[in-house]
Amino acid sequence: MGIKEKLEQQLDAKLEKWKSEIDEVEAEARAREARAEAEKADAEVQKELWSKVDSLKKRVDQGEKRLAELKDAGEDRLRSLKEEIDRLVA
């Protein structure tokens, strides 16, 4: 085997090794990218859920206030409270 053939073999072997490494690193990069996307999606879902919790807490606060007003309301206040309560529970 001459020098040219030997160099070709060495270079071919190294190229195959590098190509294999590229495949491995690309697979790892895709896996990490997928995990990052999943974590981002989880964070967005969590943010939406906490926002919903806050919204529901505000409704509970409003409902409790209206209930307290309703208990003490006279006939004159009853109509406007009914409208407020209807909007709140809709």
C-alpha atoms as a PDB file:
ATOM      1  CA  MET A   1       0.000   0.000   0.000  1.00  0.00           C
ATOM      2  CA  GLY A   2       1.394   3.325  -1.025  1.00  0.00           C
ATOM      3  CA  ILE A   3       1.356   6.570   0.898  1.00  0.00           C
ATOM      4  CA  LYS A   4      -1.563   7.889  -1.134  1.00  0.00           C
ATOM      5  CA  GLU A   5      -3.758   4.872  -0.346  1.00  0.00           C
ATOM      6  CA  LYS A   6      -2.747   4.947   3.319  1.00  0.00           C
ATOM      7  CA  LEU A   7      -3.651   8.646   3.598  1.00  0.00           C
ATOM      8  CA  GLU A   8      -6.955   8.030   1.816  1.00  0.00           C
ATOM      9  CA  GLN A   9      -7.788   5.239   4.285  1.00  0.00           C
ATOM     10  CA  GLN A  10      -6.879   7.399   7.285  1.00  0.00           C
ATOM     11  CA  LEU A  11      -8.906  10.308   5.977  1.00  0.00           C
ATOM     12  CA  ASP A  12     -11.880   8.079   5.078  1.00  0.00           C
ATOM     13  CA  ALA A  13     -11.815   6.548   8.569  1.00  0.00           C
ATOM     14  CA  LYS A  14     -11.625   9.963  10.223  1.00  0.00           C
ATOM     15  CA  LEU A  15     -14.426  11.323   8.045  1.00  0.00           C
ATOM     16  CA  GLU A  16     -16.661   8.379   8.979  1.00  0.00           C
ATOM     17  CA  LYS A  17     -15.860   8.937  12.667  1.00  0.00           C
ATOM     18  CA  TRP A  18     -16.675  12.637  12.390  1.00  0.00           C
ATOM     19  CA  LYS A  19     -19.924  11.911  10.568  1.00  0.00           C
ATOM     20  CA  SER A  20     -20.886   9.480  13.299  1.00  0.00           C
ATOM     21  CA  GLU A  21     -20.078  12.111  15.945  1.00  0.00           C
ATOM     22  CA  ILE A  22     -22.197  14.642  14.047  1.00  0.00           C
ATOM     23  CA  ASP A  23     -25.148  12.234  14.134  1.00  0.00           C
ATOM     24  CA  GLU A  24     -24.700  11.694  17.887  1.00  0.00           C
ATOM     25  CA  VAL A  25     -24.372  15.409  18.673  1.00  0.00           C
ATOM     26  CA  GLU A  26     -27.342  16.287  16.448  1.00  0.00           C
ATOM     27  CA  ALA A  27     -29.461  13.678  18.226  1.00  0.00           C
ATOM     28  CA  GLU A  28     -28.451  15.085  21.613  1.00  0.00           C
ATOM     29  CA  ALA A  29     -29.160  18.640  20.419  1.00  0.00           C
ATOM     30  CA  ARG A  30     -32.627  17.630  19.196  1.00  0.00           C
ATOM     31  CA  ALA A  31     -33.357  15.876  22.494  1.00  0.00           C
ATOM     32  CA  ARG A  32     -32.278  18.894  24.520  1.00  0.00           C
ATOM     33  CA  GLU A  33     -34.245  21.194  22.255  1.00  0.00           C
ATOM     34  CA  ALA A  34     -37.347  19.047  22.740  1.00  0.00           C
ATOM     35  CA  ARG A  35     -36.878  19.104  26.527  1.00  0.00           C
ATOM     36  CA  ALA A  36     -36.456  22.892  26.454  1.00  0.00           C
ATOM     37  CA  GLU A  37     -39.642  23.270  24.398  1.00  0.00           C
ATOM     38  CA  ALA A  38     -41.515  20.996  26.802  1.00  0.00           C
ATOM     39  CA  GLU A  39     -40.270  22.981  29.790  1.00  0.00           C
ATOM     40  CA  LYS A  40     -41.264  26.222  28.093  1.00  0.00           C
ATOM     41  CA  ALA A  41     -44.712  24.808  27.368  1.00  0.00           C
ATOM     42  CA  ASP A  42     -44.986  23.615  30.979  1.00  0.00           C
ATOM     43  CA  ALA A  43     -44.026  27.073  32.219  1.00  0.00           C
ATOM     44  CA  GLU A  44     -46.666  28.676  30.004  1.00  0.00           C
ATOM     45  CA  VAL A  45     -49.327  26.245  31.220  1.00  0.00           C
ATOM     46  CA  GLN A  46     -48.303  26.893  34.807  1.00  0.00           C
ATOM     47  CA  LYS A  47     -48.506  30.659  34.206  1.00  0.00           C
ATOM     48  CA  GLU A  48     -51.986  30.260  32.714  1.00  0.00           C
ATOM     49  CA  LEU A  49     -53.114  28.157  35.663  1.00  0.00           C
ATOM     50  CA  TRP A  50     -51.867  30.703  38.205  1.00  0.00           C
ATOM     51  CA  SER A  51     -53.607  33.420  36.244  1.00  0.00           C
ATOM     52  CA  LYS A  52     -56.818  31.419  36.419  1.00  0.00           C
ATOM     53  CA  VAL A  53     -56.333  30.929  40.169  1.00  0.00           C
ATOM     54  CA  ASP A  54     -55.939  34.696  40.599  1.00  0.00           C
ATOM     55  CA  SER A  55     -59.054  35.322  38.517  1.00  0.00           C
ATOM     56  CA  LEU A  56     -61.076  32.832  40.550  1.00  0.00           C
ATOM     57  CA  LYS A  57     -59.857  34.355  43.821  1.00  0.00           C
ATOM     58  CA  LYS A  58     -61.049  37.766  42.622  1.00  0.00           C
ATOM     59  CA  ARG A  59     -64.451  36.291  41.777  1.00  0.00           C
ATOM     60  CA  VAL A  60     -64.661  34.705  45.230  1.00  0.00           C
ATOM     61  CA  ASP A  61     -63.785  38.036  46.844  1.00  0.00           C
ATOM     62  CA  GLN A  62     -66.435  39.816  44.781  1.00  0.00           C
ATOM     63  CA  GLY A  63     -68.965  37.094  45.529  1.00  0.00           C
ATOM     64  CA  GLU A  64     -68.300  37.256  49.259  1.00  0.00           C
ATOM     65  CA  LYS A  65     -68.701  41.037  49.212  1.00  0.00           C
ATOM     66  CA  ARG A  66     -71.972  40.798  47.289  1.00  0.00           C
ATOM     67  CA  LEU A  67     -73.220  38.085  49.652  1.00  0.00           C
ATOM     68  CA  ALA A  68     -72.460  40.264  52.664  1.00  0.00           C
ATOM     69  CA  GLU A  69     -74.223  43.191  50.978  1.00  0.00           C
ATOM     70  CA  LEU A  70     -77.147  40.975  50.051  1.00  0.00           C
ATOM     71  CA  LYS A  71     -77.609  39.863  53.650  1.00  0.00           C
ATOM     72  CA  ASP A  72     -77.803  43.485  54.791  1.00  0.00           C
ATOM     73  CA  ALA A  73     -79.601  44.892  51.735  1.00  0.00           C
ATOM     74  CA  GLY A  74     -82.991  46.462  51.799  1.00  0.00           C
ATOM     75  CA  GLU A  75     -85.498  46.357  48.954  1.00  0.00           C
ATOM     76  CA  ASP A  76     -84.035  49.466  47.329  1.00  0.00           C
ATOM     77  CA  ARG A  77     -80.550  47.908  46.996  1.00  0.00           C
ATOM     78  CA  LEU A  78     -81.796  44.423  46.109  1.00  0.00           C
ATOM     79  CA  ARG A  79     -82.427  45.181  42.411  1.00  0.00           C
ATOM     80  CA  SER A  80     -78.923  46.547  41.716  1.00  0.00           C
ATOM     81  CA  LEU A  81     -77.365  43.730  43.723  1.00  0.00           C
ATOM     82  CA  LYS A  82     -79.309  41.189  41.691  1.00  0.00           C
ATOM     83  CA  GLU A  83     -77.890  42.665  38.474  1.00  0.00           C
ATOM     84  CA  GLU A  84     -74.339  42.643  39.894  1.00  0.00           C
ATOM     85  CA  ILE A  85     -74.729  39.058  41.105  1.00  0.00           C
ATOM     86  CA  ASP A  86     -76.169  37.956  37.757  1.00  0.00           C
ATOM     87  CA  ARG A  87     -73.119  39.389  35.979  1.00  0.00           C
ATOM     88  CA  LEU A  88     -70.774  37.816  38.505  1.00  0.00           C
ATOM     89  CA  VAL A  89     -72.172  34.294  38.199  1.00  0.00           C
ATOM     90  CA  ALA A  90     -72.643  34.415  34.413  1.00  0.00           C
END
